[in-house]
Amino acid sequence: MEISENLQLILNRIKGVCRRVNRDPSSVTLIGVGKTMPADRIRQAVLCGLRHIGENYVQEAREKKALLSDLDIFWHFIGHLQTNKAKAAVQLFDWIQTVDRMELAKKLDRASLSLRTEPLPVMIEVNIGGEPSKSGVSPDELEGFYDELSALDGLLVKGLMVIPPFFEDPERVRPFFRKARELLERLRLRSKFPERLTELSMGMSHDFEVAIEEGATMVRIGTALFGERKRVG
């Protein structure tokens, strides 16, 4: 019951913020972050209506996907992807949200061309706060990176993914969300295929309402849905 109630509460909050900013709630996709969560908790959420799951690690996702193979789930990779895991990621995931360097992009492209019948949906991870501890393309390098990435036939660039600096007060995160939206709008203006650039993945448990106000189309929520993460190590 806990996960069912949490899911309904989150969906109600998404509907509420969409009403405030005159958006259709269906324009926001809820991604449940399964990092360190056992497969049975993910199963509960999916049986309650969740369709999108985000995972940070290839091996963890492989194990869970095998246990949940009877369920209809869209799997998103949302962690830092090692280049040597690119082929495995293409086999396991429906979306890769964290493309941040051309070496990785080319490996994903080759794997996609050999393993898939359609291009793999990907997103560019942008280091929106310029934090040394975080992955992502710098905002200044984004346009050049997009031009290279969008030329790869095996990948379909759908938008941007950001993890802004953490602040307890969600209002302090708003400028980073707004900047991400502006970067996406700028890419649309220069792109030959602006209709493909539809997604902005940003916002987590403590700040997703502000992210939606600023244009998020995907919010990645773990703690508010599944509870506190299991400690590793």
C-alpha atoms as a PDB file:
ATOM      1  CA  MET A   1       0.000   0.000   0.000  1.00  0.00           C
ATOM      2  CA  GLU A   2       2.851   2.391   0.729  1.00  0.00           C
ATOM      3  CA  ILE A   3       4.096   2.465  -2.868  1.00  0.00           C
ATOM      4  CA  SER A   4       0.556   2.711  -4.234  1.00  0.00           C
ATOM      5  CA  GLU A   5      -0.157   5.693  -1.989  1.00  0.00           C
ATOM      6  CA  ASN A   6       3.174   7.328  -2.799  1.00  0.00           C
ATOM      7  CA  LEU A   7       2.576   6.931  -6.531  1.00  0.00           C
ATOM      8  CA  GLN A   8      -0.892   8.428  -6.321  1.00  0.00           C
ATOM      9  CA  LEU A   9       0.386  11.343  -4.245  1.00  0.00           C
ATOM     10  CA  ILE A  10       3.135  12.078  -6.780  1.00  0.00           C
ATOM     11  CA  LEU A  11       0.712  11.859  -9.713  1.00  0.00           C
ATOM     12  CA  ASN A  12      -1.666  14.228  -7.909  1.00  0.00           C
ATOM     13  CA  ARG A  13       1.184  16.684  -7.325  1.00  0.00           C
ATOM     14  CA  ILE A  14       2.130  16.485 -11.001  1.00  0.00           C
ATOM     15  CA  LYS A  15      -1.490  17.199 -11.970  1.00  0.00           C
ATOM     16  CA  GLY A  16      -1.621  20.091  -9.516  1.00  0.00           C
ATOM     17  CA  VAL A  17       1.469  21.847 -10.814  1.00  0.00           C
ATOM     18  CA  CYS A  18       0.384  21.264 -14.424  1.00  0.00           C
ATOM     19  CA  ARG A  19      -2.929  22.961 -13.667  1.00  0.00           C
ATOM     20  CA  ARG A  20      -1.070  25.942 -12.179  1.00  0.00           C
ATOM     21  CA  VAL A  21       1.035  26.462 -15.291  1.00  0.00           C
ATOM     22  CA  ASN A  22      -1.629  25.442 -17.826  1.00  0.00           C
ATOM     23  CA  ARG A  23       0.047  22.229 -18.948  1.00  0.00           C
ATOM     24  CA  ASP A  24      -1.470  18.867 -19.800  1.00  0.00           C
ATOM     25  CA  PRO A  25      -0.412  16.362 -17.092  1.00  0.00           C
ATOM     26  CA  SER A  26       0.136  13.792 -19.844  1.00  0.00           C
ATOM     27  CA  SER A  27       3.034  15.959 -21.081  1.00  0.00           C
ATOM     28  CA  VAL A  28       5.044  14.886 -18.010  1.00  0.00           C
ATOM     29  CA  THR A  29       6.460  11.357 -17.769  1.00  0.00           C
ATOM     30  CA  LEU A  30       7.157  10.005 -14.303  1.00  0.00           C
ATOM     31  CA  ILE A  31      10.301   7.867 -14.180  1.00  0.00           C
ATOM     32  CA  GLY A  32      10.699   5.782 -11.044  1.00  0.00           C
ATOM     33  CA  VAL A  33      14.362   5.625 -10.031  1.00  0.00           C
ATOM     34  CA  GLY A  34      15.102   2.038  -9.065  1.00  0.00           C
ATOM     35  CA  LYS A  35      18.711   2.485  -7.914  1.00  0.00           C
ATOM     36  CA  THR A  36      19.396  -0.026  -5.084  1.00  0.00           C
ATOM     37  CA  MET A  37      15.679  -0.833  -4.844  1.00  0.00           C
ATOM     38  CA  PRO A  38      14.769  -4.542  -4.958  1.00  0.00           C
ATOM     39  CA  ALA A  39      12.832  -5.793  -7.951  1.00  0.00           C
ATOM     40  CA  ASP A  40       9.744  -6.563  -5.878  1.00  0.00           C
ATOM     41  CA  ARG A  41       9.315  -2.889  -4.975  1.00  0.00           C
ATOM     42  CA  ILE A  42       9.578  -1.927  -8.618  1.00  0.00           C
ATOM     43  CA  ARG A  43       7.037  -4.627  -9.436  1.00  0.00           C
ATOM     44  CA  GLN A  44       4.599  -3.115  -6.933  1.00  0.00           C
ATOM     45  CA  ALA A  45       4.917   0.306  -8.552  1.00  0.00           C
ATOM     46  CA  VAL A  46       4.447  -1.071 -12.062  1.00  0.00           C
ATOM     47  CA  LEU A  47       1.385  -3.043 -11.009  1.00  0.00           C
ATOM     48  CA  CYS A  48       0.004   0.257  -9.682  1.00  0.00           C
ATOM     49  CA  GLY A  49       0.437   1.910 -13.077  1.00  0.00           C
ATOM     50  CA  LEU A  50       4.051   3.111 -13.346  1.00  0.00           C
ATOM     51  CA  ARG A  51       5.515   2.426 -16.805  1.00  0.00           C
ATOM     52  CA  HIS A  52       8.951   4.044 -16.815  1.00  0.00           C
ATOM     53  CA  ILE A  53      11.909   2.919 -14.667  1.00  0.00           C
ATOM     54  CA  GLY A  54      15.325   4.570 -14.487  1.00  0.00           C
ATOM     55  CA  GLU A  55      18.438   2.659 -13.499  1.00  0.00           C
ATOM     56  CA  ASN A  56      21.986   3.863 -12.815  1.00  0.00           C
ATOM     57  CA  TYR A  57      23.949   0.654 -13.283  1.00  0.00           C
ATOM     58  CA  VAL A  58      23.980  -1.813 -16.174  1.00  0.00           C
ATOM     59  CA  GLN A  59      24.449  -4.960 -14.094  1.00  0.00           C
ATOM     60  CA  GLU A  60      21.760  -4.014 -11.579  1.00  0.00           C
ATOM     61  CA  ALA A  61      19.353  -3.297 -14.414  1.00  0.00           C
ATOM     62  CA  ARG A  62      20.153  -6.609 -16.118  1.00  0.00           C
ATOM     63  CA  GLU A  63      19.251  -8.531 -12.967  1.00  0.00           C
ATOM     64  CA  LYS A  64      16.038  -6.612 -12.366  1.00  0.00           C
ATOM     65  CA  LYS A  65      14.940  -6.762 -15.986  1.00  0.00           C
ATOM     66  CA  ALA A  66      15.232 -10.543 -15.907  1.00  0.00           C
ATOM     67  CA  LEU A  67      13.082 -10.701 -12.772  1.00  0.00           C
ATOM     68  CA  LEU A  68      10.497  -8.290 -14.228  1.00  0.00           C
ATOM     69  CA  SER A  69      10.416  -9.593 -17.798  1.00  0.00           C
ATOM     70  CA  ASP A  70       6.682 -10.315 -17.559  1.00  0.00           C
ATOM     71  CA  LEU A  71       5.892  -6.616 -17.082  1.00  0.00           C
ATOM     72  CA  ASP A  72       5.534  -3.850 -19.670  1.00  0.00           C
ATOM     73  CA  ILE A  73       8.297  -1.412 -18.679  1.00  0.00           C
ATOM     74  CA  PHE A  74      10.233   1.280 -20.519  1.00  0.00           C
ATOM     75  CA  TRP A  75      13.789   1.189 -19.174  1.00  0.00           C
ATOM     76  CA  HIS A  76      15.845   4.394 -18.998  1.00  0.00           C
ATOM     77  CA  PHE A  77      19.558   4.498 -18.265  1.00  0.00           C
ATOM     78  CA  ILE A  78      20.175   7.557 -16.068  1.00  0.00           C
ATOM     79  CA  GLY A  79      23.630   6.957 -14.594  1.00  0.00           C
ATOM     80  CA  HIS A  80      27.169   7.570 -15.815  1.00  0.00           C
ATOM     81  CA  LEU A  81      27.710   5.054 -18.601  1.00  0.00           C
ATOM     82  CA  GLN A  82      31.143   3.520 -19.047  1.00  0.00           C
ATOM     83  CA  THR A  83      32.183   3.174 -22.669  1.00  0.00           C
ATOM     84  CA  ASN A  84      32.801  -0.560 -22.310  1.00  0.00           C
ATOM     85  CA  LYS A  85      29.174  -1.026 -21.209  1.00  0.00           C
ATOM     86  CA  ALA A  86      27.715   0.714 -24.270  1.00  0.00           C
ATOM     87  CA  LYS A  87      26.705  -2.455 -26.131  1.00  0.00           C
ATOM     88  CA  ALA A  88      25.113  -3.982 -23.045  1.00  0.00           C
ATOM     89  CA  ALA A  89      23.217  -0.739 -22.401  1.00  0.00           C
ATOM     90  CA  VAL A  90      21.814  -0.741 -25.943  1.00  0.00           C
ATOM     91  CA  GLN A  91      20.608  -4.313 -25.413  1.00  0.00           C
ATOM     92  CA  LEU A  92      18.981  -3.547 -22.063  1.00  0.00           C
ATOM     93  CA  PHE A  93      17.540  -0.043 -22.263  1.00  0.00           C
ATOM     94  CA  ASP A  94      14.872   1.718 -24.297  1.00  0.00           C
ATOM     95  CA  TRP A  95      16.414   5.146 -23.630  1.00  0.00           C
ATOM     96  CA  ILE A  96      19.896   6.367 -22.725  1.00  0.00           C
ATOM     97  CA  GLN A  97      19.596   9.718 -20.956  1.00  0.00           C
ATOM     98  CA  THR A  98      23.245  10.390 -20.161  1.00  0.00           C
ATOM     99  CA  VAL A  99      25.197  10.733 -23.398  1.00  0.00           C
ATOM    100  CA  ASP A 100      28.016  13.115 -22.484  1.00  0.00           C
ATOM    101  CA  ARG A 101      30.968  12.420 -24.816  1.00  0.00           C
ATOM    102  CA  MET A 102      31.506  11.427 -28.440  1.00  0.00           C
ATOM    103  CA  GLU A 103      33.519   8.306 -27.615  1.00  0.00           C
ATOM    104  CA  LEU A 104      30.473   6.904 -25.839  1.00  0.00           C
ATOM    105  CA  ALA A 105      28.078   8.166 -28.521  1.00  0.00           C
ATOM    106  CA  LYS A 106      29.969   6.386 -31.287  1.00  0.00           C
ATOM    107  CA  LYS A 107      29.986   3.104 -29.352  1.00  0.00           C
ATOM    108  CA  LEU A 108      26.236   3.426 -28.746  1.00  0.00           C
ATOM    109  CA  ASP A 109      25.711   4.259 -32.419  1.00  0.00           C
ATOM    110  CA  ARG A 110      27.573   1.170 -33.621  1.00  0.00           C
ATOM    111  CA  ALA A 111      25.724  -1.079 -31.194  1.00  0.00           C
ATOM    112  CA  SER A 112      22.376   0.421 -32.111  1.00  0.00           C
ATOM    113  CA  LEU A 113      22.963  -0.040 -35.838  1.00  0.00           C
ATOM    114  CA  SER A 114      23.837  -3.712 -35.306  1.00  0.00           C
ATOM    115  CA  LEU A 115      21.229  -4.608 -32.678  1.00  0.00           C
ATOM    116  CA  ARG A 116      18.175  -2.451 -33.337  1.00  0.00           C
ATOM    117  CA  THR A 117      15.795  -1.890 -36.228  1.00  0.00           C
ATOM    118  CA  GLU A 118      15.178   1.747 -35.263  1.00  0.00           C
ATOM    119  CA  PRO A 119      17.468   4.470 -33.848  1.00  0.00           C
ATOM    120  CA  LEU A 120      17.996   4.418 -30.081  1.00  0.00           C
ATOM    121  CA  PRO A 121      16.420   7.398 -28.281  1.00  0.00           C
ATOM    122  CA  VAL A 122      19.107   9.299 -26.377  1.00  0.00           C
ATOM    123  CA  MET A 123      19.455  12.516 -24.446  1.00  0.00           C
ATOM    124  CA  ILE A 124      22.428  14.771 -23.918  1.00  0.00           C
ATOM    125  CA  GLU A 125      23.471  15.129 -20.309  1.00  0.00           C
ATOM    126  CA  VAL A 126      24.405  18.745 -19.604  1.00  0.00           C
ATOM    127  CA  ASN A 127      26.454  19.744 -16.566  1.00  0.00           C
ATOM    128  CA  ILE A 128      24.147  22.658 -15.956  1.00  0.00           C
ATOM    129  CA  GLY A 129      25.900  23.846 -12.794  1.00  0.00           C
ATOM    130  CA  GLY A 130      29.470  23.386 -14.026  1.00  0.00           C
ATOM    131  CA  GLU A 131      30.217  21.060 -11.095  1.00  0.00           C
ATOM    132  CA  PRO A 132      33.542  19.182 -11.358  1.00  0.00           C
ATOM    133  CA  SER A 133      32.048  16.166  -9.576  1.00  0.00           C
ATOM    134  CA  LYS A 134      29.324  15.670 -12.188  1.00  0.00           C
ATOM    135  CA  SER A 135      29.348  14.349 -15.733  1.00  0.00           C
ATOM    136  CA  GLY A 136      27.860  16.178 -18.662  1.00  0.00           C
ATOM    137  CA  VAL A 137      28.581  18.421 -21.581  1.00  0.00           C
ATOM    138  CA  SER A 138      29.223  22.037 -20.640  1.00  0.00           C
ATOM    139  CA  PRO A 139      26.563  24.496 -21.833  1.00  0.00           C
ATOM    140  CA  ASP A 140      29.182  26.258 -23.969  1.00  0.00           C
ATOM    141  CA  GLU A 141      30.003  23.021 -25.824  1.00  0.00           C
ATOM    142  CA  LEU A 142      26.418  21.829 -26.199  1.00  0.00           C
ATOM    143  CA  GLU A 143      25.655  23.092 -29.698  1.00  0.00           C
ATOM    144  CA  GLY A 144      28.791  21.615 -31.254  1.00  0.00           C
ATOM    145  CA  PHE A 145      28.234  18.328 -29.423  1.00  0.00           C
ATOM    146  CA  TYR A 146      24.627  18.195 -30.605  1.00  0.00           C
ATOM    147  CA  ASP A 147      25.660  18.757 -34.213  1.00  0.00           C
ATOM    148  CA  GLU A 148      28.041  15.788 -34.066  1.00  0.00           C
ATOM    149  CA  LEU A 149      25.641  13.572 -32.151  1.00  0.00           C
ATOM    150  CA  SER A 150      22.644  14.233 -34.367  1.00  0.00           C
ATOM    151  CA  ALA A 151      24.630  13.112 -37.420  1.00  0.00           C
ATOM    152  CA  LEU A 152      24.852   9.531 -36.085  1.00  0.00           C
ATOM    153  CA  ASP A 153      22.299   7.315 -37.828  1.00  0.00           C
ATOM    154  CA  GLY A 154      21.876   4.831 -34.976  1.00  0.00           C
ATOM    155  CA  LEU A 155      20.841   7.443 -32.402  1.00  0.00           C
ATOM    156  CA  LEU A 156      17.798   9.691 -32.137  1.00  0.00           C
ATOM    157  CA  VAL A 157      18.524  12.768 -30.032  1.00  0.00           C
ATOM    158  CA  LYS A 158      15.367  13.585 -28.074  1.00  0.00           C
ATOM    159  CA  GLY A 159      16.476  16.367 -25.734  1.00  0.00           C
ATOM    160  CA  LEU A 160      18.469  17.209 -22.619  1.00  0.00           C
ATOM    161  CA  MET A 161      18.949  15.683 -19.182  1.00  0.00           C
ATOM    162  CA  VAL A 162      20.321  17.684 -16.247  1.00  0.00           C
ATOM    163  CA  ILE A 163      21.193  17.118 -12.605  1.00  0.00           C
ATOM    164  CA  PRO A 164      21.489  20.603 -11.108  1.00  0.00           C
ATOM    165  CA  PRO A 165      23.291  21.485  -7.876  1.00  0.00           C
ATOM    166  CA  PHE A 166      21.396  20.348  -4.792  1.00  0.00           C
ATOM    167  CA  PHE A 167      19.686  22.934  -2.611  1.00  0.00           C
ATOM    168  CA  GLU A 168      17.196  22.226   0.168  1.00  0.00           C
ATOM    169  CA  ASP A 169      15.095  25.134  -1.119  1.00  0.00           C
ATOM    170  CA  PRO A 170      13.756  24.138  -4.563  1.00  0.00           C
ATOM    171  CA  GLU A 171      13.473  27.801  -5.537  1.00  0.00           C
ATOM    172  CA  ARG A 172      17.263  28.011  -5.561  1.00  0.00           C
ATOM    173  CA  VAL A 173      17.299  25.293  -8.222  1.00  0.00           C
ATOM    174  CA  ARG A 174      14.843  27.127 -10.484  1.00  0.00           C
ATOM    175  CA  PRO A 175      17.495  29.168 -12.378  1.00  0.00           C
ATOM    176  CA  PHE A 176      19.254  25.939 -13.414  1.00  0.00           C
ATOM    177  CA  PHE A 177      16.017  24.394 -14.671  1.00  0.00           C
ATOM    178  CA  ARG A 178      15.222  27.591 -16.568  1.00  0.00           C
ATOM    179  CA  LYS A 179      18.679  27.594 -18.123  1.00  0.00           C
ATOM    180  CA  ALA A 180      18.203  23.986 -19.269  1.00  0.00           C
ATOM    181  CA  ARG A 181      14.914  24.896 -20.933  1.00  0.00           C
ATOM    182  CA  GLU A 182      16.558  27.836 -22.681  1.00  0.00           C
ATOM    183  CA  LEU A 183      19.388  25.608 -23.917  1.00  0.00           C
ATOM    184  CA  LEU A 184      16.874  23.176 -25.389  1.00  0.00           C
ATOM    185  CA  GLU A 185      14.988  26.003 -27.066  1.00  0.00           C
ATOM    186  CA  ARG A 186      18.248  27.227 -28.567  1.00  0.00           C
ATOM    187  CA  LEU A 187      18.994  23.765 -29.944  1.00  0.00           C
ATOM    188  CA  ARG A 188      15.558  23.624 -31.535  1.00  0.00           C
ATOM    189  CA  LEU A 189      16.226  26.888 -33.346  1.00  0.00           C
ATOM    190  CA  ARG A 190      19.414  25.564 -34.936  1.00  0.00           C
ATOM    191  CA  SER A 191      18.317  21.971 -35.520  1.00  0.00           C
ATOM    192  CA  LYS A 192      17.242  20.578 -38.899  1.00  0.00           C
ATOM    193  CA  PHE A 193      14.762  18.429 -36.962  1.00  0.00           C
ATOM    194  CA  PRO A 194      13.383  20.584 -34.122  1.00  0.00           C
ATOM    195  CA  GLU A 195      10.324  18.327 -33.844  1.00  0.00           C
ATOM    196  CA  ARG A 196      12.581  15.576 -32.471  1.00  0.00           C
ATOM    197  CA  LEU A 197      13.816  17.690 -29.562  1.00  0.00           C
ATOM    198  CA  THR A 198      10.829  17.249 -27.299  1.00  0.00           C
ATOM    199  CA  GLU A 199      12.246  16.055 -23.973  1.00  0.00           C
ATOM    200  CA  LEU A 200      13.684  17.781 -20.930  1.00  0.00           C
ATOM    201  CA  SER A 201      14.540  15.337 -18.140  1.00  0.00           C
ATOM    202  CA  MET A 202      15.012  17.195 -14.870  1.00  0.00           C
ATOM    203  CA  GLY A 203      13.648  17.287 -11.351  1.00  0.00           C
ATOM    204  CA  MET A 204      13.797  14.738  -8.544  1.00  0.00           C
ATOM    205  CA  SER A 205      11.883  14.014  -5.355  1.00  0.00           C
ATOM    206  CA  HIS A 206      12.479  17.345  -3.620  1.00  0.00           C
ATOM    207  CA  ASP A 207      12.244  19.737  -6.584  1.00  0.00           C
ATOM    208  CA  PHE A 208      10.199  18.129  -9.368  1.00  0.00           C
ATOM    209  CA  GLU A 209       7.329  20.605  -9.088  1.00  0.00           C
ATOM    210  CA  VAL A 210       9.631  23.528  -9.815  1.00  0.00           C
ATOM    211  CA  ALA A 211      11.161  21.521 -12.668  1.00  0.00           C
ATOM    212  CA  ILE A 212       7.727  21.002 -14.218  1.00  0.00           C
ATOM    213  CA  GLU A 213       6.976  24.719 -13.882  1.00  0.00           C
ATOM    214  CA  GLU A 214      10.147  25.365 -15.861  1.00  0.00           C
ATOM    215  CA  GLY A 215       9.329  22.883 -18.619  1.00  0.00           C
ATOM    216  CA  ALA A 216      10.379  19.377 -17.526  1.00  0.00           C
ATOM    217  CA  THR A 217       8.790  16.612 -19.609  1.00  0.00           C
ATOM    218  CA  MET A 218      10.384  13.826 -17.544  1.00  0.00           C
ATOM    219  CA  VAL A 219      10.888  13.798 -13.784  1.00  0.00           C
ATOM    220  CA  ARG A 220      13.072  11.166 -12.109  1.00  0.00           C
ATOM    221  CA  ILE A 221      11.725  10.238  -8.684  1.00  0.00           C
ATOM    222  CA  GLY A 222      13.131   7.635  -6.321  1.00  0.00           C
ATOM    223  CA  THR A 223      12.845   8.430  -2.613  1.00  0.00           C
ATOM    224  CA  ALA A 224       9.351   9.956  -2.720  1.00  0.00           C
ATOM    225  CA  LEU A 225       8.098   6.866  -4.528  1.00  0.00           C
ATOM    226  CA  PHE A 226      10.065   3.914  -3.181  1.00  0.00           C
ATOM    227  CA  GLY A 227      11.250   5.267   0.169  1.00  0.00           C
ATOM    228  CA  GLU A 228      14.803   5.724   1.407  1.00  0.00           C
ATOM    229  CA  ARG A 229      17.456   3.901  -0.568  1.00  0.00           C
ATOM    230  CA  LYS A 230      19.128   0.843   0.785  1.00  0.00           C
ATOM    231  CA  ARG A 231      22.661   1.705   1.848  1.00  0.00           C
ATOM    232  CA  VAL A 232      25.375   0.007  -0.169  1.00  0.00           C
ATOM    233  CA  GLY A 233      28.746  -0.923   1.366  1.00  0.00           C
END
